[in-house]
Every structure is written in C-alpha cells, then in structure tokens.
C-alpha cells in the first residue's frame, strides 16, 4: 500500500473513531437521561479508539487495522450499554427509609444499606448504615450514624458545638479545603461541611451534615469523585433526614 492510500486509511480510521464515540454518546444520553459526555472525554475517547488500529496499519496492513478497529468498536459499544444498564439499575432501585435504634431521626437511602452496630464506652451501642453506588465510575458512598446522647442544645450554644464537632470530624478524616455552614433547621440545629480528600491520588469530595436532637445526634456523609460531584444521590440523601420521634 503506497503512502497516499495509507494516509487515506489513517484519516478514515480517525474519523470513524470519532463518529462511533459521538453516536454512542448521543445514544447513552438519550437512554439514560444524562448529559452528553464532556468534550475532553470525547476527544480522549476518539483518540484512544484510533491509536491501536493506526499502529496496526503502520506495521501490518490496512486490512488488519480495520479488523482491529471493528473489534475495539464492538467492545466499546458493549461497555457503553453495560454502563447504561448499571445506571438504570441504580435509578430504579427502591428507596429505603432507615431509622437506627434509639435514634429520633430517619434518612432515605437509594436502596437497602448495609447496617453495622458499634459500641462506644460511654454512649453504648449505635448504628452505622452504609450504601455504595453500583455504578463504579460514580464512586458514590452514602453513610449515616446516629449516636444516642442528651445534648440540651439551644440557639445560644448549638452553633459552636456543632461546628466544633464538624471541625474535629474534618481533621480526623483528612479533609482539606473545608467549608462550614450552620443553620437552625425545622428538625433541629444543623451543621454542614464540604471538603476534599485524596484517595489513591484521586480527589474525592465529601458533604457532611450533623443534626442535633433532644436524645440523639445524627451525622450524614456523602462522598464521590470531585470531577462529577455532587452525584445524583448526594443532595437527595442529605436532604432526606427527618425527625421521627
């Protein structure tokens, strides 16, 4: 194959790669009701799709290169539709209301969380509920724990107490660039923080809310990849806390 024909095949593979990625992105957006992929992803995916076929053409033949392109295109398409199925499974899961023992608050998880019981030397038993997204690229984690404790907080001391507790929590969990917020909500005095933690060199954003009641203190944690934060489950989870007793 002469240089001119080779160049035409190179251009055709690159164009076909970007067309395939564009079609897959549009189909994914329509079927999963999500926004189209960011332009940076589109550029990177198209380039990645074309590299191996181009190398195959360079060192073997155009015929072998197109075979490699077809195989990669098939695998890419399967991966796209698998991710759509995962998103639909996550979005159609039945929400579950969770109320820990001896807790005057309830929260709503996207589906059934894993519940563990821990014991504090002074406070006794308390429950932790954990939910992890079934969509790996979301990296969404939702967690809540409710501690039975008599606090006797009011408008004069609630703000300082909650923000102090959240500062300790942020330090113990290695959060940086922490933002603090306090509100006296209808369900009780509430403190919020938002911060970043690096896990395996990836920035993870956490949003935490702590609500004080008459006989319990509940803390909600929501985390996910900073690049896509807040994930679709984060804000509904934080807003779902309700006073039951």
C-alpha atoms as a PDB file:
ATOM      1  CA  UNK A   1       0.000   0.000   0.000  1.00  0.00           C
ATOM      2  CA  UNK A   2       1.507   3.313  -1.097  1.00  0.00           C
ATOM      3  CA  UNK A   3       1.843   6.353   1.163  1.00  0.00           C
ATOM      4  CA  UNK A   4      -1.211   8.157  -0.236  1.00  0.00           C
ATOM      5  CA  UNK A   5      -3.546   5.198   0.285  1.00  0.00           C
ATOM      6  CA  UNK A   6      -2.123   4.653   3.751  1.00  0.00           C
ATOM      7  CA  UNK A   7      -2.810   8.264   4.665  1.00  0.00           C
ATOM      8  CA  UNK A   8      -6.415   7.913   3.467  1.00  0.00           C
ATOM      9  CA  UNK A   9      -6.864   4.855   5.675  1.00  0.00           C
ATOM     10  CA  UNK A  10      -5.355   6.710   8.634  1.00  0.00           C
ATOM     11  CA  UNK A  11      -7.768   9.601   8.181  1.00  0.00           C
ATOM     12  CA  UNK A  12     -10.689   7.208   7.733  1.00  0.00           C
ATOM     13  CA  UNK A  13      -9.902   5.332  10.971  1.00  0.00           C
ATOM     14  CA  UNK A  14      -9.643   8.559  12.979  1.00  0.00           C
ATOM     15  CA  UNK A  15     -12.911   9.874  11.502  1.00  0.00           C
ATOM     16  CA  UNK A  16     -14.681   6.555  12.101  1.00  0.00           C
ATOM     17  CA  UNK A  17     -13.451   6.505  15.716  1.00  0.00           C
ATOM     18  CA  UNK A  18     -14.877   9.932  16.480  1.00  0.00           C
ATOM     19  CA  UNK A  19     -18.134   9.161  14.698  1.00  0.00           C
ATOM     20  CA  UNK A  20     -18.536   5.967  16.759  1.00  0.00           C
ATOM     21  CA  UNK A  21     -17.846   7.790  20.020  1.00  0.00           C
ATOM     22  CA  UNK A  22     -20.258  10.588  19.053  1.00  0.00           C
ATOM     23  CA  UNK A  23     -23.066   8.141  18.197  1.00  0.00           C
ATOM     24  CA  UNK A  24     -22.502   6.159  21.406  1.00  0.00           C
ATOM     25  CA  UNK A  25     -22.518   9.373  23.480  1.00  0.00           C
ATOM     26  CA  UNK A  26     -25.819  10.534  21.961  1.00  0.00           C
ATOM     27  CA  UNK A  27     -27.459   7.122  22.457  1.00  0.00           C
ATOM     28  CA  UNK A  28     -26.227   6.945  26.053  1.00  0.00           C
ATOM     29  CA  UNK A  29     -27.534  10.438  26.805  1.00  0.00           C
ATOM     30  CA  UNK A  30     -30.965   9.610  25.368  1.00  0.00           C
ATOM     31  CA  UNK A  31     -31.343   6.227  27.044  1.00  0.00           C
ATOM     32  CA  UNK A  32     -30.017   7.180  30.469  1.00  0.00           C
ATOM     33  CA  UNK A  33     -31.357  10.758  30.557  1.00  0.00           C
ATOM     34  CA  UNK A  34     -27.865  12.081  31.227  1.00  0.00           C
ATOM     35  CA  UNK A  35     -25.985  14.971  29.669  1.00  0.00           C
ATOM     36  CA  UNK A  36     -23.680  14.356  26.729  1.00  0.00           C
ATOM     37  CA  UNK A  37     -20.110  13.432  27.567  1.00  0.00           C
ATOM     38  CA  UNK A  38     -17.742  16.388  28.238  1.00  0.00           C
ATOM     39  CA  UNK A  39     -15.700  17.490  25.234  1.00  0.00           C
ATOM     40  CA  UNK A  40     -12.488  16.362  26.974  1.00  0.00           C
ATOM     41  CA  UNK A  41     -13.867  12.823  27.250  1.00  0.00           C
ATOM     42  CA  UNK A  42     -14.994  12.897  23.611  1.00  0.00           C
ATOM     43  CA  UNK A  43     -11.554  13.939  22.390  1.00  0.00           C
ATOM     44  CA  UNK A  44      -9.763  11.384  24.569  1.00  0.00           C
ATOM     45  CA  UNK A  45     -12.119   8.501  23.705  1.00  0.00           C
ATOM     46  CA  UNK A  46     -11.850   9.109  19.971  1.00  0.00           C
ATOM     47  CA  UNK A  47      -8.068   9.279  20.148  1.00  0.00           C
ATOM     48  CA  UNK A  48      -7.862   6.103  22.239  1.00  0.00           C
ATOM     49  CA  UNK A  49     -10.168   4.285  19.826  1.00  0.00           C
ATOM     50  CA  UNK A  50      -7.952   5.071  16.831  1.00  0.00           C
ATOM     51  CA  UNK A  51      -4.435   4.523  18.257  1.00  0.00           C
ATOM     52  CA  UNK A  52      -4.226   0.714  18.085  1.00  0.00           C
ATOM     53  CA  UNK A  53      -5.810   0.413  14.589  1.00  0.00           C
ATOM     54  CA  UNK A  54      -3.411   3.102  13.321  1.00  0.00           C
ATOM     55  CA  UNK A  55      -0.421   1.266  14.755  1.00  0.00           C
ATOM     56  CA  UNK A  56      -1.677  -1.985  13.233  1.00  0.00           C
ATOM     57  CA  UNK A  57      -1.929  -0.298   9.826  1.00  0.00           C
ATOM     58  CA  UNK A  58       1.523   1.203  10.251  1.00  0.00           C
ATOM     59  CA  UNK A  59       3.266  -2.082  10.983  1.00  0.00           C
ATOM     60  CA  UNK A  60       0.969  -4.597   9.235  1.00  0.00           C
ATOM     61  CA  UNK A  61      -1.758  -3.750   6.739  1.00  0.00           C
ATOM     62  CA  UNK A  62      -4.884  -1.621   6.334  1.00  0.00           C
ATOM     63  CA  UNK A  63      -6.993  -4.791   6.341  1.00  0.00           C
ATOM     64  CA  UNK A  64      -5.630  -5.844   9.750  1.00  0.00           C
ATOM     65  CA  UNK A  65      -6.088  -2.307  11.051  1.00  0.00           C
ATOM     66  CA  UNK A  66      -9.778  -2.251  10.135  1.00  0.00           C
ATOM     67  CA  UNK A  67     -10.322  -5.640  11.776  1.00  0.00           C
ATOM     68  CA  UNK A  68      -8.783  -4.276  14.987  1.00  0.00           C
ATOM     69  CA  UNK A  69     -10.984  -1.162  14.730  1.00  0.00           C
ATOM     70  CA  UNK A  70     -14.149  -3.272  14.386  1.00  0.00           C
ATOM     71  CA  UNK A  71     -13.216  -5.378  17.408  1.00  0.00           C
ATOM     72  CA  UNK A  72     -12.435  -2.324  19.524  1.00  0.00           C
ATOM     73  CA  UNK A  73     -15.619  -0.613  18.364  1.00  0.00           C
ATOM     74  CA  UNK A  74     -17.672  -3.630  19.383  1.00  0.00           C
ATOM     75  CA  UNK A  75     -16.050  -3.767  22.838  1.00  0.00           C
ATOM     76  CA  UNK A  76     -16.540  -0.029  23.307  1.00  0.00           C
ATOM     77  CA  UNK A  77     -20.219  -0.254  22.356  1.00  0.00           C
ATOM     78  CA  UNK A  78     -20.775  -3.166  24.750  1.00  0.00           C
ATOM     79  CA  UNK A  79     -19.148  -1.143  27.540  1.00  0.00           C
ATOM     80  CA  UNK A  80     -21.370   1.867  26.842  1.00  0.00           C
ATOM     81  CA  UNK A  81     -24.584  -0.156  27.002  1.00  0.00           C
ATOM     82  CA  UNK A  82     -23.416  -2.015  30.107  1.00  0.00           C
ATOM     83  CA  UNK A  83     -22.941   1.340  31.830  1.00  0.00           C
ATOM     84  CA  UNK A  84     -26.455   2.379  30.755  1.00  0.00           C
ATOM     85  CA  UNK A  85     -27.868  -0.820  32.259  1.00  0.00           C
ATOM     86  CA  UNK A  86     -25.985  -0.131  35.504  1.00  0.00           C
ATOM     87  CA  UNK A  87     -27.351   3.421  35.639  1.00  0.00           C
ATOM     88  CA  UNK A  88     -30.898   2.175  35.079  1.00  0.00           C
ATOM     89  CA  UNK A  89     -30.492  -0.445  37.788  1.00  0.00           C
ATOM     90  CA  UNK A  90     -29.249   2.194  40.199  1.00  0.00           C
ATOM     91  CA  UNK A  91     -32.015   4.653  39.298  1.00  0.00           C
ATOM     92  CA  UNK A  92     -34.819   2.090  39.565  1.00  0.00           C
ATOM     93  CA  UNK A  93     -33.754   0.688  42.941  1.00  0.00           C
ATOM     94  CA  UNK A  94     -36.364   1.025  45.644  1.00  0.00           C
ATOM     95  CA  UNK A  95     -35.507   3.809  48.146  1.00  0.00           C
ATOM     96  CA  UNK A  96     -35.286   2.582  51.734  1.00  0.00           C
ATOM     97  CA  UNK A  97     -36.006   4.640  54.832  1.00  0.00           C
ATOM     98  CA  UNK A  98     -33.581   3.813  57.616  1.00  0.00           C
ATOM     99  CA  UNK A  99     -34.045   4.655  61.274  1.00  0.00           C
ATOM    100  CA  UNK A 100     -31.392   3.455  63.674  1.00  0.00           C
ATOM    101  CA  UNK A 101     -32.299   2.054  67.077  1.00  0.00           C
ATOM    102  CA  UNK A 102     -32.752   4.755  69.728  1.00  0.00           C
ATOM    103  CA  UNK A 103     -32.498   7.456  67.057  1.00  0.00           C
ATOM    104  CA  UNK A 104     -35.103  10.181  66.651  1.00  0.00           C
ATOM    105  CA  UNK A 105     -34.184  10.733  63.000  1.00  0.00           C
ATOM    106  CA  UNK A 106     -34.638   8.769  59.778  1.00  0.00           C
ATOM    107  CA  UNK A 107     -32.832   9.026  56.432  1.00  0.00           C
ATOM    108  CA  UNK A 108     -33.641   7.682  52.974  1.00  0.00           C
ATOM    109  CA  UNK A 109     -31.088   5.636  51.025  1.00  0.00           C
ATOM    110  CA  UNK A 110     -31.392   4.862  47.276  1.00  0.00           C
ATOM    111  CA  UNK A 111     -31.714   1.175  48.229  1.00  0.00           C
ATOM    112  CA  UNK A 112     -31.108  -1.036  51.264  1.00  0.00           C
ATOM    113  CA  UNK A 113     -27.891  -0.027  53.085  1.00  0.00           C
ATOM    114  CA  UNK A 114     -25.527  -2.274  54.996  1.00  0.00           C
ATOM    115  CA  UNK A 115     -26.035  -1.782  58.743  1.00  0.00           C
ATOM    116  CA  UNK A 116     -23.409  -2.378  61.419  1.00  0.00           C
ATOM    117  CA  UNK A 117     -23.611  -1.897  65.186  1.00  0.00           C
ATOM    118  CA  UNK A 118     -20.726  -0.360  67.134  1.00  0.00           C
ATOM    119  CA  UNK A 119     -20.229   0.201  70.846  1.00  0.00           C
ATOM    120  CA  UNK A 120     -18.940   3.378  72.463  1.00  0.00           C
ATOM    121  CA  UNK A 121     -17.539   3.100  76.019  1.00  0.00           C
ATOM    122  CA  UNK A 122     -19.662   5.991  77.319  1.00  0.00           C
ATOM    123  CA  UNK A 123     -22.576   6.135  74.888  1.00  0.00           C
ATOM    124  CA  UNK A 124     -23.305   2.439  74.336  1.00  0.00           C
ATOM    125  CA  UNK A 125     -24.422   0.889  71.050  1.00  0.00           C
ATOM    126  CA  UNK A 126     -25.033   2.921  67.912  1.00  0.00           C
ATOM    127  CA  UNK A 127     -25.711   2.013  64.283  1.00  0.00           C
ATOM    128  CA  UNK A 128     -23.854   2.859  61.106  1.00  0.00           C
ATOM    129  CA  UNK A 129     -25.617   2.441  57.745  1.00  0.00           C
ATOM    130  CA  UNK A 130     -23.545   2.375  54.523  1.00  0.00           C
ATOM    131  CA  UNK A 131     -24.600   2.483  50.871  1.00  0.00           C
ATOM    132  CA  UNK A 132     -22.202   2.253  47.898  1.00  0.00           C
ATOM    133  CA  UNK A 133     -23.190   3.001  44.303  1.00  0.00           C
ATOM    134  CA  UNK A 134     -23.418   0.056  41.899  1.00  0.00           C
ATOM    135  CA  UNK A 135     -22.094   2.325  39.135  1.00  0.00           C
ATOM    136  CA  UNK A 136     -18.278   2.146  39.599  1.00  0.00           C
ATOM    137  CA  UNK A 137     -17.462   5.398  37.805  1.00  0.00           C
ATOM    138  CA  UNK A 138     -19.694   7.338  40.219  1.00  0.00           C
ATOM    139  CA  UNK A 139     -17.709   6.226  43.283  1.00  0.00           C
ATOM    140  CA  UNK A 140     -20.648   7.396  45.422  1.00  0.00           C
ATOM    141  CA  UNK A 141     -20.706   6.478  49.095  1.00  0.00           C
ATOM    142  CA  UNK A 142     -23.521   7.391  51.486  1.00  0.00           C
ATOM    143  CA  UNK A 143     -23.200   6.766  55.203  1.00  0.00           C
ATOM    144  CA  UNK A 144     -25.004   7.740  58.364  1.00  0.00           C
ATOM    145  CA  UNK A 145     -24.505   7.130  62.050  1.00  0.00           C
ATOM    146  CA  UNK A 146     -26.772   8.086  64.923  1.00  0.00           C
ATOM    147  CA  UNK A 147     -25.485   8.341  68.484  1.00  0.00           C
ATOM    148  CA  UNK A 148     -27.890   8.345  71.454  1.00  0.00           C
ATOM    149  CA  UNK A 149     -26.848  11.300  73.580  1.00  0.00           C
ATOM    150  CA  UNK A 150     -28.528  14.031  75.649  1.00  0.00           C
ATOM    151  CA  UNK A 151     -27.157  17.378  74.447  1.00  0.00           C
ATOM    152  CA  UNK A 152     -29.580  20.072  75.701  1.00  0.00           C
ATOM    153  CA  UNK A 153     -28.653  22.435  72.892  1.00  0.00           C
ATOM    154  CA  UNK A 154     -30.422  25.704  72.131  1.00  0.00           C
ATOM    155  CA  UNK A 155     -29.867  28.763  69.950  1.00  0.00           C
ATOM    156  CA  UNK A 156     -27.167  30.034  72.285  1.00  0.00           C
ATOM    157  CA  UNK A 157     -24.786  27.073  72.182  1.00  0.00           C
ATOM    158  CA  UNK A 158     -25.800  24.806  69.278  1.00  0.00           C
ATOM    159  CA  UNK A 159     -23.758  26.578  66.588  1.00  0.00           C
ATOM    160  CA  UNK A 160     -20.440  26.463  68.426  1.00  0.00           C
ATOM    161  CA  UNK A 161     -20.951  22.853  69.495  1.00  0.00           C
ATOM    162  CA  UNK A 162     -21.828  21.537  66.042  1.00  0.00           C
ATOM    163  CA  UNK A 163     -19.118  23.451  64.198  1.00  0.00           C
ATOM    164  CA  UNK A 164     -16.539  22.268  66.739  1.00  0.00           C
ATOM    165  CA  UNK A 165     -17.677  18.672  66.223  1.00  0.00           C
ATOM    166  CA  UNK A 166     -17.502  19.067  62.455  1.00  0.00           C
ATOM    167  CA  UNK A 167     -14.005  20.579  62.673  1.00  0.00           C
ATOM    168  CA  UNK A 168     -12.854  17.530  64.643  1.00  0.00           C
ATOM    169  CA  UNK A 169     -14.546  15.228  62.100  1.00  0.00           C
ATOM    170  CA  UNK A 170     -12.878  17.025  59.171  1.00  0.00           C
ATOM    171  CA  UNK A 171      -9.449  16.752  60.818  1.00  0.00           C
ATOM    172  CA  UNK A 172      -9.858  13.085  61.762  1.00  0.00           C
ATOM    173  CA  UNK A 173     -10.945  12.199  58.224  1.00  0.00           C
ATOM    174  CA  UNK A 174      -8.190  14.139  56.475  1.00  0.00           C
ATOM    175  CA  UNK A 175     -10.466  16.631  54.703  1.00  0.00           C
ATOM    176  CA  UNK A 176      -8.927  19.759  53.189  1.00  0.00           C
ATOM    177  CA  UNK A 177     -10.374  22.996  51.738  1.00  0.00           C
ATOM    178  CA  UNK A 178     -13.214  22.606  54.232  1.00  0.00           C
ATOM    179  CA  UNK A 179     -16.249  24.913  54.043  1.00  0.00           C
ATOM    180  CA  UNK A 180     -18.555  25.275  57.069  1.00  0.00           C
ATOM    181  CA  UNK A 181     -22.225  26.206  57.299  1.00  0.00           C
ATOM    182  CA  UNK A 182     -24.683  26.343  60.183  1.00  0.00           C
ATOM    183  CA  UNK A 183     -28.486  26.534  60.079  1.00  0.00           C
ATOM    184  CA  UNK A 184     -31.195  26.222  62.680  1.00  0.00           C
ATOM    185  CA  UNK A 185     -33.469  23.927  60.647  1.00  0.00           C
ATOM    186  CA  UNK A 186     -37.010  22.861  61.480  1.00  0.00           C
ATOM    187  CA  UNK A 187     -35.724  19.419  62.516  1.00  0.00           C
ATOM    188  CA  UNK A 188     -33.096  20.949  64.795  1.00  0.00           C
ATOM    189  CA  UNK A 189     -29.749  22.754  64.766  1.00  0.00           C
ATOM    190  CA  UNK A 190     -27.736  21.547  61.774  1.00  0.00           C
ATOM    191  CA  UNK A 191     -24.118  21.941  60.779  1.00  0.00           C
ATOM    192  CA  UNK A 192     -22.699  21.283  57.310  1.00  0.00           C
ATOM    193  CA  UNK A 193     -19.217  20.875  55.893  1.00  0.00           C
ATOM    194  CA  UNK A 194     -17.835  20.240  52.435  1.00  0.00           C
ATOM    195  CA  UNK A 195     -14.251  19.158  51.900  1.00  0.00           C
ATOM    196  CA  UNK A 196     -11.859  17.171  49.719  1.00  0.00           C
ATOM    197  CA  UNK A 197      -9.860  14.042  50.464  1.00  0.00           C
ATOM    198  CA  UNK A 198      -7.408  12.280  48.145  1.00  0.00           C
ATOM    199  CA  UNK A 199      -7.881   8.524  47.866  1.00  0.00           C
ATOM    200  CA  UNK A 200      -5.428   6.686  45.608  1.00  0.00           C
ATOM    201  CA  UNK A 201      -4.394  10.100  44.246  1.00  0.00           C
ATOM    202  CA  UNK A 202      -7.977  10.901  43.178  1.00  0.00           C
ATOM    203  CA  UNK A 203      -9.800  13.897  44.710  1.00  0.00           C
ATOM    204  CA  UNK A 204     -12.996  12.836  46.488  1.00  0.00           C
ATOM    205  CA  UNK A 205     -15.469  15.470  47.666  1.00  0.00           C
ATOM    206  CA  UNK A 206     -17.448  14.878  50.851  1.00  0.00           C
ATOM    207  CA  UNK A 207     -20.544  16.665  52.056  1.00  0.00           C
ATOM    208  CA  UNK A 208     -21.401  16.077  55.714  1.00  0.00           C
ATOM    209  CA  UNK A 209     -24.428  17.143  57.746  1.00  0.00           C
ATOM    210  CA  UNK A 210     -24.865  16.785  61.512  1.00  0.00           C
ATOM    211  CA  UNK A 211     -28.254  17.302  63.158  1.00  0.00           C
ATOM    212  CA  UNK A 212     -28.751  17.516  66.905  1.00  0.00           C
ATOM    213  CA  UNK A 213     -31.960  16.339  68.530  1.00  0.00           C
ATOM    214  CA  UNK A 214     -33.119  16.008  72.110  1.00  0.00           C
ATOM    215  CA  UNK A 215     -31.802  12.484  72.612  1.00  0.00           C
ATOM    216  CA  UNK A 216     -29.605  11.732  69.589  1.00  0.00           C
ATOM    217  CA  UNK A 217     -27.038  13.187  67.218  1.00  0.00           C
ATOM    218  CA  UNK A 218     -27.143  12.036  63.587  1.00  0.00           C
ATOM    219  CA  UNK A 219     -24.388  12.557  61.018  1.00  0.00           C
ATOM    220  CA  UNK A 220     -24.806  12.004  57.273  1.00  0.00           C
ATOM    221  CA  UNK A 221     -21.805  11.539  54.988  1.00  0.00           C
ATOM    222  CA  UNK A 222     -21.977  11.714  51.182  1.00  0.00           C
ATOM    223  CA  UNK A 223     -18.870  11.348  49.016  1.00  0.00           C
ATOM    224  CA  UNK A 224     -17.976  10.955  45.373  1.00  0.00           C
ATOM    225  CA  UNK A 225     -15.401  11.824  42.719  1.00  0.00           C
ATOM    226  CA  UNK A 226     -14.791  15.572  42.762  1.00  0.00           C
ATOM    227  CA  UNK A 227     -14.960  15.790  38.956  1.00  0.00           C
ATOM    228  CA  UNK A 228     -18.645  14.758  38.944  1.00  0.00           C
ATOM    229  CA  UNK A 229     -19.710  15.902  42.432  1.00  0.00           C
ATOM    230  CA  UNK A 230     -22.473  16.084  43.533  1.00  0.00           C
ATOM    231  CA  UNK A 231     -23.597  12.741  42.134  1.00  0.00           C
ATOM    232  CA  UNK A 232     -27.348  12.296  41.693  1.00  0.00           C
ATOM    233  CA  UNK A 233     -27.773  10.555  45.072  1.00  0.00           C
ATOM    234  CA  UNK A 234     -25.882  13.104  47.190  1.00  0.00           C
ATOM    235  CA  UNK A 235     -28.249  16.051  47.621  1.00  0.00           C
ATOM    236  CA  UNK A 236     -31.446  13.940  47.983  1.00  0.00           C
ATOM    237  CA  UNK A 237     -29.695  11.861  50.674  1.00  0.00           C
ATOM    238  CA  UNK A 238     -28.545  14.878  52.693  1.00  0.00           C
ATOM    239  CA  UNK A 239     -31.998  16.462  52.392  1.00  0.00           C
ATOM    240  CA  UNK A 240     -33.813  13.247  53.378  1.00  0.00           C
ATOM    241  CA  UNK A 241     -33.139  13.425  57.118  1.00  0.00           C
ATOM    242  CA  UNK A 242     -36.376  13.726  59.083  1.00  0.00           C
ATOM    243  CA  UNK A 243     -37.296  13.873  62.740  1.00  0.00           C
ATOM    244  CA  UNK A 244     -39.413  10.871  63.635  1.00  0.00           C
ATOM    245  CA  UNK A 245     -39.774  10.924  67.435  1.00  0.00           C
END
